[in-house]
Amino acid sequence: MTHLTEHSLVQGGRSAAFATACVRGGVAAGLGVGALAVLVIVAWISSPFPDSGAGGALHLAAGLWLLAHGVELVRTDTLGGLPAPLGIVPLLTAALPVWLVFRTARSTLDPADETGPRPSPAGTLGAVSGGYLLVAAVIVVYSESGPLPADLVTAGLWLPGVVLGAAGAGVWTALGRPLPGREEAAAALRGAAAGLVTLLAGGAVLAGTALVWHAGAARASYEGIAGEWSGRVALALLVLALLPNAAVWAAAYGLGPGVALGTGALATPLGLVGDPAVPPFPLLAALPPEGRGGWPQWAAAAVPLVAAVVLGRSVGRATGTGRARETALAALGAAWASGAAVAVLAGAAGGPLGSGRLLAFGPVWWQAGAAAVLWGVAVGLPTALAVRAWGRRVPRPKPPKPPKPPKAARTAEAPALAATAPAPGAAAPTPPVFDFSLNGLDGLGGLNGPSGLVDLDDDEGYVPYDYLPASWETAPTPSTPPAPRPAPAPRPDTEPPRPSGTTGAEREATPKDTP
């Protein structure tokens, strides 16, 4: 009975956690819609000539929120009366809902309270996505009654894909970002991420350089559209939201396929072909001029080149300990993964701006993705193999150098060598001859003992071994006599020595002077 009760409690706790995750997904969707609604309503209030009431502002906010998820909108209030599609997604506005879904899934699976029940990873993904999509479905229905209704086909494709992808990334992060067990698969994902980041950063640099180069035209276009200060603020926010799109466009331009500027018009580094249908907009002023491209346009190819080198370097360093076949497979996988990511970004950054000639505007997703794969295979694969070969090289051992003596020892050794070296033409030094006779003792003070030897016992500081050589090899040669030993100190009971010159005179004078 106790086991059944505990099992029922666990199941009840998981059900409550699943319901909580579903509610949190719906709250994340509401927060995204609310943030855009606040911006639109502020712009509507500050506009001196509003075209519609608060209901129109709310419909516009709902349409922008759906557009941020990749859903195409349909403009019904056109001049010709025919509906016109609008499919270019401001990528900066897409960052808010994607981040909300990601954060909700991560915090649901990894809560602050570890003791409470929580759903499984698959349950978290389904619950958060389900709650978010329920609110999204309500917003799609609400937008049908406004001036920008949602296209139901793209709403059924892009909206679930974006939500599931963001929620899956949150679950993956909560689990510690695990990578595939195979080394080459993990290396391929890391290499693709490094190459994609480099490609987008290079595209942003290209777009910024082009805008600075055409700053006058961009400023004139901005002032011609903005009008009042409220319009200038709204246009500045729109330009800011489209800056990531400009980076993707520039990256696709450098890849080679270029960007479409209307039906039948294409801008590539080789030149601009066709008659572009470019509406007046500040960011579009950075497009290349008509005609054949020169070295400034050709320099855009350096961006994908550097990105492919970074991709190959990452793969080569990650698989340096494996075989060459594994490195090649990882490089090919990284190229395909990078191409898939570029295709998705190109499809989101481009799209229709209207009907007729504006149906094709921006990079073509499949062409941009295929070009990224080709760059990865043509440049990234050889780079990965080269980096692997460079990392596996065996350095040749160098012979050890003899240690140099200290400078002080070298300076002291030089005079000694010079003193001991024989002069040129001089005879070779003779070996030492040892004198074992007692003649050498004459220098010790004379023969004062009764046997003709020195009375060494009278010397109190005498030590016998002091007068023997330390070793036979270091005995002094006959040519070099030993240094004379100092005379012993006089005893107290003896008469001090007198000078040799006056001793006899004093002895002769003594008997005469005495009485």
Protein backbone atom coordinates (compact mmCIF):
# COMPACT_ATOMS: atom_id res chain seq x y z
CA MET A 1 0.00 0.00 0.00
CA THR A 2 2.86 2.35 0.80
CA HIS A 3 4.55 1.60 -2.54
CA LEU A 4 1.38 2.39 -4.45
CA THR A 5 0.91 5.61 -2.53
CA GLU A 6 4.46 6.78 -3.28
CA HIS A 7 4.05 5.86 -6.95
CA SER A 8 0.82 7.83 -7.10
CA LEU A 9 2.52 10.83 -5.51
CA VAL A 10 5.37 10.70 -8.01
CA GLN A 11 2.99 10.47 -10.94
CA GLY A 12 0.91 13.31 -9.52
CA GLY A 13 4.03 15.45 -9.07
CA ARG A 14 5.15 14.85 -12.64
CA SER A 15 1.70 15.67 -13.96
CA ALA A 16 1.74 18.93 -12.02
CA ALA A 17 5.21 19.73 -13.34
CA PHE A 18 4.04 18.99 -16.90
CA ALA A 19 1.05 21.30 -16.50
CA THR A 20 3.30 24.00 -15.03
CA ALA A 21 5.65 23.73 -18.01
CA CYS A 22 2.72 24.09 -20.39
CA VAL A 23 1.53 27.21 -18.59
CA ARG A 24 5.04 28.66 -18.63
CA GLY A 25 5.20 28.19 -22.40
CA GLY A 26 1.98 30.13 -22.82
CA VAL A 27 3.29 32.90 -20.55
CA ALA A 28 6.45 33.16 -22.68
CA ALA A 29 4.30 33.68 -25.79
CA GLY A 30 2.24 36.32 -24.03
CA LEU A 31 5.35 38.19 -22.92
CA GLY A 32 6.62 38.37 -26.49
CA VAL A 33 3.32 39.67 -27.84
CA GLY A 34 3.04 42.16 -24.98
CA ALA A 35 6.52 43.60 -25.59
CA LEU A 36 5.78 44.24 -29.28
CA ALA A 37 2.34 45.60 -28.44
CA VAL A 38 3.86 48.17 -26.09
CA LEU A 39 6.25 49.41 -28.79
CA VAL A 40 3.50 49.65 -31.41
CA ILE A 41 1.09 51.43 -29.10
CA VAL A 42 3.78 53.94 -28.06
CA ALA A 43 4.48 54.66 -31.75
CA TRP A 44 0.74 54.98 -32.43
CA ILE A 45 0.26 57.42 -29.54
CA SER A 46 3.23 59.54 -30.59
CA SER A 47 2.14 59.69 -34.24
CA PRO A 48 0.49 63.05 -35.09
CA PHE A 49 -1.67 61.46 -37.81
CA PRO A 50 -2.69 57.93 -36.76
CA ASP A 51 -4.37 55.96 -39.54
CA SER A 52 -6.38 53.69 -37.23
CA GLY A 53 -7.39 53.25 -33.61
CA ALA A 54 -6.00 51.10 -30.84
CA GLY A 55 -7.49 47.98 -32.49
CA GLY A 56 -5.37 48.55 -35.57
CA ALA A 57 -2.26 48.96 -33.41
CA LEU A 58 -2.95 45.67 -31.65
CA HIS A 59 -3.49 43.89 -34.98
CA LEU A 60 -0.21 45.32 -36.21
CA ALA A 61 1.59 44.04 -33.07
CA ALA A 62 0.10 40.57 -33.58
CA GLY A 63 1.24 40.58 -37.23
CA LEU A 64 4.78 41.64 -36.30
CA TRP A 65 4.96 38.90 -33.68
CA LEU A 66 3.96 36.27 -36.23
CA LEU A 67 6.39 37.72 -38.76
CA ALA A 68 9.19 37.36 -36.19
CA HIS A 69 8.52 33.59 -36.26
CA GLY A 70 8.87 33.40 -40.05
CA VAL A 71 5.15 33.56 -40.86
CA GLU A 72 4.37 35.48 -44.03
CA LEU A 73 1.78 38.25 -43.79
CA VAL A 74 -0.64 39.36 -46.51
CA ARG A 75 -1.20 43.05 -47.12
CA THR A 76 -4.78 43.73 -48.08
CA ASP A 77 -4.70 47.55 -48.26
CA THR A 78 -2.60 47.89 -51.43
CA LEU A 79 -3.02 50.56 -54.09
CA GLY A 80 -4.03 48.03 -56.75
CA GLY A 81 -6.46 46.23 -54.49
CA LEU A 82 -4.68 42.89 -54.88
CA PRO A 83 -3.21 41.23 -51.78
CA ALA A 84 0.58 41.40 -51.57
CA PRO A 85 2.72 39.08 -49.45
CA LEU A 86 5.26 40.34 -46.91
CA GLY A 87 7.82 37.74 -45.88
CA ILE A 88 11.09 39.43 -44.86
CA VAL A 89 11.59 38.72 -41.17
CA PRO A 90 13.38 41.37 -39.09
CA LEU A 91 15.84 39.01 -37.43
CA LEU A 92 16.40 41.23 -34.41
CA THR A 93 12.70 41.04 -33.50
CA ALA A 94 12.94 37.25 -33.84
CA ALA A 95 15.57 37.19 -31.11
CA LEU A 96 13.04 38.11 -28.39
CA PRO A 97 10.53 35.24 -28.83
CA VAL A 98 13.28 32.72 -29.53
CA TRP A 99 15.09 33.72 -26.33
CA LEU A 100 11.88 33.51 -24.31
CA VAL A 101 11.16 29.97 -25.48
CA PHE A 102 14.78 28.94 -24.92
CA ARG A 103 14.88 30.34 -21.39
CA THR A 104 11.54 28.81 -20.45
CA ALA A 105 12.57 25.31 -21.54
CA ARG A 106 15.93 25.56 -19.80
CA SER A 107 14.55 26.81 -16.49
CA THR A 108 11.73 24.22 -16.54
CA LEU A 109 14.10 21.28 -16.88
CA ASP A 110 16.72 22.76 -14.54
CA PRO A 111 14.76 24.52 -11.77
CA ALA A 112 16.31 26.26 -8.79
CA ASP A 113 14.56 23.86 -6.40
CA GLU A 114 16.13 20.44 -7.00
CA THR A 115 13.81 18.67 -4.55
CA GLY A 116 10.61 19.34 -6.49
CA PRO A 117 9.42 17.09 -9.30
CA ARG A 118 10.22 18.03 -12.85
CA PRO A 119 9.23 16.54 -16.21
CA SER A 120 11.52 14.52 -18.44
CA PRO A 121 13.44 16.21 -21.25
CA ALA A 122 10.94 15.02 -23.85
CA GLY A 123 8.07 16.07 -21.60
CA THR A 124 9.61 19.51 -21.14
CA LEU A 125 10.01 19.95 -24.88
CA GLY A 126 6.41 18.94 -25.56
CA ALA A 127 4.89 20.91 -22.68
CA VAL A 128 6.68 24.20 -23.30
CA SER A 129 6.16 24.01 -27.07
CA GLY A 130 2.52 23.00 -26.67
CA GLY A 131 1.67 25.88 -24.36
CA TYR A 132 3.46 28.35 -26.64
CA LEU A 133 1.75 27.07 -29.79
CA LEU A 134 -1.71 27.26 -28.16
CA VAL A 135 -1.24 30.99 -27.63
CA ALA A 136 0.23 31.33 -31.13
CA ALA A 137 -2.83 29.69 -32.64
CA VAL A 138 -5.07 32.24 -30.90
CA ILE A 139 -2.94 35.08 -32.27
CA VAL A 140 -3.12 33.65 -35.81
CA VAL A 141 -6.91 33.60 -35.59
CA TYR A 142 -6.92 37.14 -34.20
CA SER A 143 -4.73 38.45 -37.02
CA GLU A 144 -7.19 37.24 -39.67
CA SER A 145 -9.47 40.13 -38.88
CA GLY A 146 -6.80 42.79 -39.24
CA PRO A 147 -4.99 44.52 -42.11
CA LEU A 148 -2.08 42.02 -41.97
CA PRO A 149 -3.53 38.49 -41.76
CA ALA A 150 -1.15 35.55 -41.50
CA ASP A 151 -0.57 33.11 -44.33
CA LEU A 152 -1.83 29.80 -42.97
CA VAL A 153 0.64 27.66 -44.94
CA THR A 154 3.74 29.35 -43.60
CA ALA A 155 2.13 29.58 -40.15
CA GLY A 156 1.75 25.81 -40.11
CA LEU A 157 5.38 25.27 -41.21
CA TRP A 158 7.63 27.96 -39.77
CA LEU A 159 5.90 28.65 -36.46
CA PRO A 160 6.15 25.09 -35.02
CA GLY A 161 9.66 24.70 -36.39
CA VAL A 162 10.96 27.85 -34.71
CA VAL A 163 9.29 27.03 -31.39
CA LEU A 164 10.49 23.42 -31.31
CA GLY A 165 14.02 24.46 -32.28
CA ALA A 166 14.27 27.09 -29.53
CA ALA A 167 12.77 24.76 -26.91
CA GLY A 168 15.09 21.95 -27.98
CA ALA A 169 18.09 24.26 -27.60
CA GLY A 170 16.93 25.11 -24.07
CA VAL A 171 16.58 21.43 -23.12
CA TRP A 172 20.00 20.68 -24.60
CA THR A 173 21.55 23.49 -22.57
CA ALA A 174 19.87 22.29 -19.37
CA LEU A 175 21.35 18.81 -19.93
CA GLY A 176 24.87 20.25 -20.12
CA ARG A 177 25.18 20.67 -23.91
CA PRO A 178 26.06 17.04 -24.64
CA LEU A 179 27.64 16.28 -28.01
CA PRO A 180 27.57 13.04 -30.00
CA GLY A 181 29.77 10.25 -28.71
CA ARG A 182 31.79 9.99 -31.90
CA GLU A 183 34.73 12.34 -31.99
CA GLU A 184 34.30 13.34 -35.63
CA ALA A 185 30.62 14.26 -35.14
CA ALA A 186 31.41 16.56 -32.22
CA ALA A 187 34.31 18.07 -34.16
CA ALA A 188 32.03 18.66 -37.15
CA LEU A 189 29.48 20.55 -35.04
CA ARG A 190 32.15 22.71 -33.44
CA GLY A 191 33.74 23.45 -36.79
CA ALA A 192 30.39 24.37 -38.36
CA ALA A 193 29.61 26.74 -35.48
CA ALA A 194 33.03 28.42 -35.75
CA GLY A 195 32.72 28.83 -39.52
CA LEU A 196 29.15 30.19 -39.29
CA VAL A 197 30.07 32.77 -36.66
CA THR A 198 33.04 33.91 -38.75
CA LEU A 199 30.89 34.15 -41.87
CA LEU A 200 28.22 36.26 -40.16
CA ALA A 201 30.81 38.52 -38.53
CA GLY A 202 32.45 39.08 -41.91
CA GLY A 203 29.06 39.84 -43.44
CA ALA A 204 28.41 42.44 -40.76
CA VAL A 205 31.77 44.06 -41.53
CA LEU A 206 30.95 44.13 -45.26
CA ALA A 207 27.51 45.65 -44.66
CA GLY A 208 28.89 48.30 -42.31
CA THR A 209 31.66 49.22 -44.75
CA ALA A 210 29.18 49.55 -47.60
CA LEU A 211 26.89 51.76 -45.51
CA VAL A 212 29.76 54.04 -44.57
CA TRP A 213 30.83 54.18 -48.23
CA HIS A 214 27.30 55.19 -49.30
CA ALA A 215 26.50 57.28 -46.22
CA GLY A 216 25.20 60.22 -48.25
CA ALA A 217 22.66 58.16 -50.18
CA ALA A 218 21.53 56.36 -47.01
CA ARG A 219 20.99 59.65 -45.20
CA ALA A 220 19.02 61.14 -48.07
CA SER A 221 16.78 58.07 -48.18
CA TYR A 222 16.23 58.19 -44.43
CA GLU A 223 15.25 61.86 -44.43
CA GLY A 224 12.93 61.38 -47.41
CA ILE A 225 10.92 58.64 -45.72
CA ALA A 226 10.93 59.60 -42.03
CA GLY A 227 9.02 62.88 -42.02
CA GLU A 228 8.07 63.86 -38.44
CA TRP A 229 10.13 62.93 -35.40
CA SER A 230 7.81 60.03 -34.54
CA GLY A 231 8.30 58.63 -38.02
CA ARG A 232 12.05 59.01 -37.68
CA VAL A 233 12.04 57.04 -34.44
CA ALA A 234 9.91 54.29 -35.95
CA LEU A 235 12.12 54.12 -39.05
CA ALA A 236 15.26 54.02 -36.91
CA LEU A 237 13.84 51.08 -34.95
CA LEU A 238 13.00 49.28 -38.19
CA VAL A 239 16.53 49.83 -39.52
CA LEU A 240 17.95 48.52 -36.26
CA ALA A 241 15.78 45.41 -36.45
CA LEU A 242 16.97 44.73 -40.01
CA LEU A 243 20.70 45.05 -39.33
CA PRO A 244 21.14 41.26 -38.87
CA ASN A 245 19.38 40.82 -42.22
CA ALA A 246 21.96 43.09 -43.81
CA ALA A 247 24.77 40.92 -42.37
CA VAL A 248 23.19 37.76 -43.85
CA TRP A 249 22.71 39.50 -47.21
CA ALA A 250 26.34 40.58 -47.27
CA ALA A 251 27.50 37.06 -46.35
CA ALA A 252 25.40 35.58 -49.17
CA TYR A 253 26.81 38.22 -51.52
CA GLY A 254 30.38 37.20 -50.63
CA LEU A 255 29.60 33.49 -51.00
CA GLY A 256 29.00 34.01 -54.72
CA PRO A 257 25.29 33.52 -55.49
CA GLY A 258 24.54 37.07 -54.41
CA VAL A 259 21.15 38.56 -53.57
CA ALA A 260 18.05 38.99 -55.68
CA LEU A 261 16.85 42.58 -56.12
CA GLY A 262 13.54 41.70 -57.70
CA THR A 263 12.47 39.27 -60.34
CA GLY A 264 15.22 39.00 -62.96
CA ALA A 265 17.79 41.15 -61.09
CA LEU A 266 20.79 39.66 -59.29
CA ALA A 267 23.74 41.33 -57.55
CA THR A 268 26.96 39.27 -57.29
CA PRO A 269 30.66 40.18 -56.83
CA LEU A 270 31.01 39.89 -60.62
CA GLY A 271 28.46 42.63 -61.17
CA LEU A 272 24.78 43.53 -61.11
CA VAL A 273 22.65 41.81 -63.75
CA GLY A 274 19.13 42.90 -64.73
CA ASP A 275 16.93 45.83 -63.77
CA PRO A 276 16.73 46.00 -59.95
CA ALA A 277 13.45 47.02 -58.31
CA VAL A 278 14.85 48.64 -55.19
CA PRO A 279 12.41 50.59 -53.01
CA PRO A 280 13.74 53.66 -51.21
CA PHE A 281 15.18 52.45 -47.90
CA PRO A 282 18.35 53.45 -46.00
CA LEU A 283 19.86 49.94 -45.86
CA LEU A 284 19.29 49.34 -49.59
CA ALA A 285 21.48 52.34 -50.38
CA ALA A 286 24.50 50.13 -49.61
CA LEU A 287 23.84 47.88 -52.62
CA PRO A 288 26.59 47.77 -55.28
CA PRO A 289 26.19 49.98 -58.36
CA GLU A 290 25.09 48.66 -61.71
CA GLY A 291 27.62 47.26 -64.13
CA ARG A 292 30.57 44.95 -63.74
CA GLY A 293 32.16 44.57 -60.36
CA GLY A 294 35.66 45.76 -59.53
CA TRP A 295 38.17 44.91 -56.84
CA PRO A 296 35.96 46.30 -53.99
CA GLN A 297 33.25 43.80 -54.97
CA TRP A 298 35.71 40.95 -55.50
CA ALA A 299 37.18 41.55 -52.04
CA ALA A 300 33.91 40.28 -50.55
CA ALA A 301 35.07 36.74 -51.38
CA ALA A 302 37.59 37.03 -48.55
CA VAL A 303 34.76 36.58 -46.02
CA PRO A 304 33.77 33.00 -46.98
CA LEU A 305 37.45 32.17 -47.54
CA VAL A 306 38.34 33.10 -43.96
CA ALA A 307 35.23 31.32 -42.66
CA ALA A 308 36.20 28.11 -44.46
CA VAL A 309 39.75 28.32 -43.11
CA VAL A 310 38.42 28.74 -39.56
CA LEU A 311 36.12 25.76 -40.09
CA GLY A 312 38.97 23.57 -41.31
CA ARG A 313 41.31 24.70 -38.55
CA SER A 314 38.75 23.85 -35.87
CA VAL A 315 38.13 20.40 -37.32
CA GLY A 316 41.85 19.68 -37.84
CA ARG A 317 42.76 20.58 -34.27
CA ALA A 318 39.86 18.55 -32.83
CA THR A 319 40.70 15.39 -34.81
CA GLY A 320 44.49 15.68 -34.82
CA THR A 321 44.99 12.42 -32.92
CA GLY A 322 42.83 10.32 -35.26
CA ARG A 323 43.22 9.05 -38.76
CA ALA A 324 43.10 11.19 -41.88
CA ARG A 325 39.83 9.55 -42.91
CA GLU A 326 38.16 10.70 -39.69
CA THR A 327 39.40 14.24 -40.21
CA ALA A 328 38.06 14.27 -43.76
CA LEU A 329 34.65 12.97 -42.66
CA ALA A 330 34.46 15.57 -39.88
CA ALA A 331 35.34 18.36 -42.33
CA LEU A 332 32.67 17.20 -44.77
CA GLY A 333 30.10 17.03 -41.96
CA ALA A 334 31.03 20.52 -40.82
CA ALA A 335 30.65 21.85 -44.36
CA TRP A 336 27.17 20.32 -44.69
CA ALA A 337 26.08 21.55 -41.26
CA SER A 338 27.31 25.06 -42.01
CA GLY A 339 25.52 25.01 -45.37
CA ALA A 340 22.26 23.98 -43.72
CA ALA A 341 22.49 26.82 -41.18
CA VAL A 342 23.27 29.35 -43.91
CA ALA A 343 20.27 28.13 -45.94
CA VAL A 344 17.94 28.61 -42.96
CA LEU A 345 19.26 32.10 -42.22
CA ALA A 346 19.10 33.11 -45.89
CA GLY A 347 15.50 31.90 -46.13
CA ALA A 348 14.55 33.91 -43.05
CA ALA A 349 16.43 37.06 -44.09
CA GLY A 350 14.89 37.20 -47.54
CA GLY A 351 11.46 36.84 -48.98
CA PRO A 352 8.80 38.75 -50.86
CA LEU A 353 8.22 42.45 -50.36
CA GLY A 354 5.12 42.58 -52.51
CA SER A 355 3.68 41.25 -55.71
CA GLY A 356 5.08 41.33 -59.23
CA ARG A 357 8.77 42.12 -59.39
CA LEU A 358 9.15 42.20 -55.59
CA LEU A 359 8.27 38.55 -55.12
CA ALA A 360 11.95 37.55 -55.03
CA PHE A 361 13.94 39.81 -52.77
CA GLY A 362 17.07 38.87 -50.87
CA PRO A 363 19.34 35.81 -50.98
CA VAL A 364 18.02 32.56 -52.43
CA TRP A 365 18.22 30.06 -49.59
CA TRP A 366 19.25 26.94 -51.53
CA GLN A 367 21.89 28.77 -53.56
CA ALA A 368 23.44 30.33 -50.46
CA GLY A 369 23.46 26.98 -48.65
CA ALA A 370 25.03 25.15 -51.60
CA ALA A 371 27.73 27.82 -51.92
CA ALA A 372 28.57 27.49 -48.23
CA VAL A 373 28.95 23.72 -48.64
CA LEU A 374 31.25 24.19 -51.65
CA TRP A 375 33.46 26.65 -49.78
CA GLY A 376 33.69 24.24 -46.85
CA VAL A 377 34.66 21.31 -49.08
CA ALA A 378 37.05 23.21 -51.35
CA VAL A 379 38.87 25.17 -48.62
CA GLY A 380 37.86 23.72 -45.26
CA LEU A 381 38.72 20.10 -46.08
CA PRO A 382 42.33 20.74 -47.23
CA THR A 383 42.83 23.11 -44.31
CA ALA A 384 41.69 20.47 -41.83
CA LEU A 385 44.04 17.86 -43.31
CA ALA A 386 46.93 20.32 -43.32
CA VAL A 387 46.33 21.31 -39.69
CA ARG A 388 46.16 17.64 -38.71
CA ALA A 389 49.43 16.87 -40.53
CA TRP A 390 51.13 19.89 -38.96
CA GLY A 391 50.01 18.86 -35.49
CA ARG A 392 51.28 15.29 -35.91
CA ARG A 393 54.76 16.20 -37.08
CA VAL A 394 57.64 14.83 -34.96
CA PRO A 395 60.30 17.44 -34.21
CA ARG A 396 63.90 16.32 -34.81
CA PRO A 397 65.92 16.02 -31.61
CA LYS A 398 68.67 18.59 -31.37
CA PRO A 399 72.10 17.59 -29.95
CA PRO A 400 72.56 18.93 -26.42
CA LYS A 401 74.89 21.86 -26.15
CA PRO A 402 77.73 21.62 -23.58
CA PRO A 403 77.13 23.84 -20.59
CA LYS A 404 79.13 27.01 -20.59
CA PRO A 405 81.29 27.69 -17.49
CA PRO A 406 80.47 30.75 -15.44
CA LYS A 407 82.05 33.99 -16.52
CA ALA A 408 84.00 34.34 -13.27
CA ALA A 409 85.50 30.86 -13.69
CA ARG A 410 86.53 31.60 -17.29
CA THR A 411 88.26 34.86 -16.31
CA ALA A 412 90.15 33.18 -13.42
CA GLU A 413 91.16 30.19 -15.52
CA ALA A 414 92.73 32.21 -18.36
CA PRO A 415 95.74 33.66 -16.37
CA ALA A 416 96.41 30.28 -14.79
CA LEU A 417 96.59 28.59 -18.17
CA ALA A 418 98.83 31.33 -19.48
CA ALA A 419 101.21 30.96 -16.50
CA THR A 420 101.47 27.19 -16.71
CA ALA A 421 101.82 27.03 -20.48
CA PRO A 422 105.50 26.54 -21.53
CA ALA A 423 107.15 29.24 -23.53
CA PRO A 424 107.80 28.54 -27.19
CA GLY A 425 111.10 26.72 -27.67
CA ALA A 426 111.55 25.94 -23.97
CA ALA A 427 112.42 22.44 -22.77
CA ALA A 428 109.74 20.24 -21.37
CA PRO A 429 109.50 20.33 -17.55
CA THR A 430 111.35 17.57 -15.76
CA PRO A 431 109.46 15.26 -13.45
CA PRO A 432 109.81 16.02 -9.73
CA VAL A 433 112.68 14.35 -7.78
CA PHE A 434 112.03 13.59 -4.15
CA ASP A 435 114.81 14.04 -1.54
CA PHE A 436 114.48 11.56 1.29
CA SER A 437 117.75 12.63 3.06
CA LEU A 438 117.98 14.77 6.15
CA ASN A 439 119.74 17.60 4.34
CA GLY A 440 116.52 19.35 3.85
CA LEU A 441 116.18 19.83 7.56
CA ASP A 442 119.02 22.38 7.57
CA GLY A 443 116.58 25.09 6.83
CA LEU A 444 114.70 24.38 9.99
CA GLY A 445 117.11 26.26 12.19
CA GLY A 446 120.46 24.38 12.19
CA LEU A 447 121.84 21.30 13.85
CA ASN A 448 121.46 21.96 17.56
CA GLY A 449 120.83 18.51 18.97
CA PRO A 450 123.48 16.17 20.41
CA SER A 451 123.23 13.80 17.50
CA GLY A 452 123.55 16.51 14.93
CA LEU A 453 119.79 16.65 14.34
CA VAL A 454 117.43 19.37 15.26
CA ASP A 455 115.95 18.95 18.68
CA LEU A 456 112.35 19.10 17.60
CA ASP A 457 111.09 18.09 21.05
CA ASP A 458 112.00 21.51 22.36
CA ASP A 459 109.38 23.11 20.11
CA GLU A 460 106.08 23.08 21.96
CA GLY A 461 104.00 23.68 18.76
CA TYR A 462 105.73 20.90 16.88
CA VAL A 463 103.53 18.32 15.14
CA PRO A 464 105.48 15.59 13.33
CA TYR A 465 103.15 15.34 10.38
CA ASP A 466 103.46 19.04 9.63
CA TYR A 467 106.87 18.42 8.06
CA LEU A 468 105.85 15.51 5.80
CA PRO A 469 104.36 16.07 2.38
CA ALA A 470 100.59 15.54 2.02
CA SER A 471 101.19 13.21 -0.92
CA TRP A 472 104.25 12.06 -2.83
CA GLU A 473 102.96 13.68 -5.99
CA THR A 474 102.94 17.17 -4.44
CA ALA A 475 106.37 17.00 -2.79
CA PRO A 476 108.53 20.05 -3.51
CA THR A 477 111.21 19.71 -6.16
CA PRO A 478 114.93 20.36 -5.34
CA SER A 479 114.88 23.51 -7.40
CA THR A 480 112.23 24.95 -5.12
CA PRO A 481 113.49 24.82 -1.48
CA PRO A 482 110.91 24.81 1.27
CA ALA A 483 110.12 28.03 2.98
CA PRO A 484 112.21 28.57 6.20
CA ARG A 485 110.40 27.77 9.37
CA PRO A 486 110.33 30.65 11.88
CA ALA A 487 112.69 30.35 14.84
CA PRO A 488 111.17 29.08 18.08
CA ALA A 489 110.41 31.59 20.79
CA PRO A 490 113.09 31.89 23.57
CA ARG A 491 112.40 30.23 26.88
CA PRO A 492 111.98 32.42 29.99
CA ASP A 493 114.96 30.87 31.84
CA THR A 494 117.46 31.45 29.06
CA GLU A 495 119.31 34.57 28.20
CA PRO A 496 117.99 36.42 25.19
CA PRO A 497 120.25 36.34 22.20
CA ARG A 498 122.67 39.19 21.73
CA PRO A 499 123.89 40.78 18.58
CA SER A 500 126.74 38.88 17.07
CA GLY A 501 128.93 41.97 16.68
CA THR A 502 129.13 42.90 20.40
CA THR A 503 129.23 39.53 22.14
CA GLY A 504 133.07 39.11 22.21
CA ALA A 505 133.78 42.68 23.30
CA GLU A 506 131.47 42.45 26.26
CA ARG A 507 133.12 39.17 27.35
CA GLU A 508 136.69 40.71 27.21
CA ALA A 509 135.70 43.81 29.12
CA THR A 510 134.03 42.05 31.97
CA PRO A 511 137.18 40.69 33.88
CA LYS A 512 138.93 44.04 33.60
CA ASP A 513 136.11 46.08 34.96
CA THR A 514 135.42 43.85 37.92
CA PRO A 515 137.32 44.64 41.18
